[in-house]
Amino acid sequence: MDIIVNYLFIGVVFSFLLDHLVYKNQSHKSFENIPNWTWKERLLLIIVWPLGLANFIYGFINEYFKK
């Protein structure tokens, strides 16, 4: 039971951080095409947060080292 609670807690924290990042930077040029989050997307990210984290890291590294 502790493993499930920890997994969901990490998902909630990751979802909150990503949502906060998008909200704070929504006026930036890079965030123009990102649609607003609904609860459906938030709950899905909480459940499958490892895939979301991998996608975030992949996109971040590609943009950071872009030539």
Protein backbone atom coordinates (compact mmCIF):
# COMPACT_ATOMS: atom_id res chain seq x y z
CA MET A 1 0.00 0.00 0.00
CA ASP A 2 2.87 2.39 0.76
CA ILE A 3 4.29 1.91 -2.71
CA ILE A 4 1.01 2.95 -4.34
CA VAL A 5 0.69 6.02 -2.13
CA ASN A 6 4.30 7.05 -2.86
CA TYR A 7 3.78 6.50 -6.60
CA LEU A 8 0.66 8.68 -6.61
CA PHE A 9 2.32 11.33 -4.42
CA ILE A 10 5.24 11.63 -6.83
CA GLY A 11 2.73 11.89 -9.68
CA VAL A 12 0.85 14.69 -7.91
CA VAL A 13 4.07 16.61 -7.23
CA PHE A 14 5.29 16.17 -10.81
CA SER A 15 1.93 17.21 -12.23
CA PHE A 16 1.83 20.27 -9.98
CA LEU A 17 5.35 21.34 -10.97
CA LEU A 18 4.67 20.91 -14.68
CA ASP A 19 1.34 22.74 -14.42
CA HIS A 20 3.00 25.55 -12.48
CA LEU A 21 5.80 25.79 -15.07
CA VAL A 22 3.31 26.11 -17.91
CA TYR A 23 1.14 28.62 -16.00
CA LYS A 24 4.07 30.90 -15.10
CA ASN A 25 5.49 30.86 -18.64
CA GLN A 26 2.30 30.94 -20.69
CA SER A 27 3.18 34.34 -22.15
CA HIS A 28 6.56 33.05 -23.43
CA LYS A 29 6.91 32.33 -27.14
CA SER A 30 7.69 28.63 -26.54
CA PHE A 31 4.44 28.06 -24.66
CA GLU A 32 2.06 29.67 -27.18
CA ASN A 33 0.80 26.41 -28.69
CA ILE A 34 0.28 24.54 -25.41
CA PRO A 35 -3.44 24.19 -24.61
CA ASN A 36 -4.86 24.72 -21.14
CA TRP A 37 -4.86 21.69 -18.84
CA THR A 38 -8.06 20.04 -17.74
CA TRP A 39 -8.50 17.66 -14.83
CA LYS A 40 -8.52 14.76 -17.27
CA GLU A 41 -4.94 15.50 -18.38
CA ARG A 42 -3.81 16.15 -14.81
CA LEU A 43 -5.19 12.82 -13.54
CA LEU A 44 -3.70 10.97 -16.49
CA LEU A 45 -0.29 12.50 -15.80
CA ILE A 46 -0.54 11.55 -12.11
CA ILE A 47 -1.12 7.92 -13.11
CA VAL A 48 1.51 7.68 -15.87
CA TRP A 49 4.04 10.22 -14.53
CA PRO A 50 7.15 8.17 -15.47
CA LEU A 51 6.22 8.50 -19.15
CA GLY A 52 5.53 12.19 -18.71
CA LEU A 53 8.85 12.70 -16.94
CA ALA A 54 10.74 10.84 -19.66
CA ASN A 55 9.01 12.93 -22.33
CA PHE A 56 9.80 16.16 -20.46
CA ILE A 57 13.49 15.27 -20.06
CA TYR A 58 13.77 14.22 -23.71
CA GLY A 59 12.21 17.47 -24.93
CA PHE A 60 14.28 19.57 -22.55
CA ILE A 61 17.57 17.98 -23.64
CA ASN A 62 16.65 18.31 -27.34
CA GLU A 63 15.87 22.00 -26.97
CA TYR A 64 18.86 22.71 -24.74
CA PHE A 65 21.40 21.14 -27.11
CA LYS A 66 19.69 22.32 -30.29
CA LYS A 67 22.14 23.77 -32.77
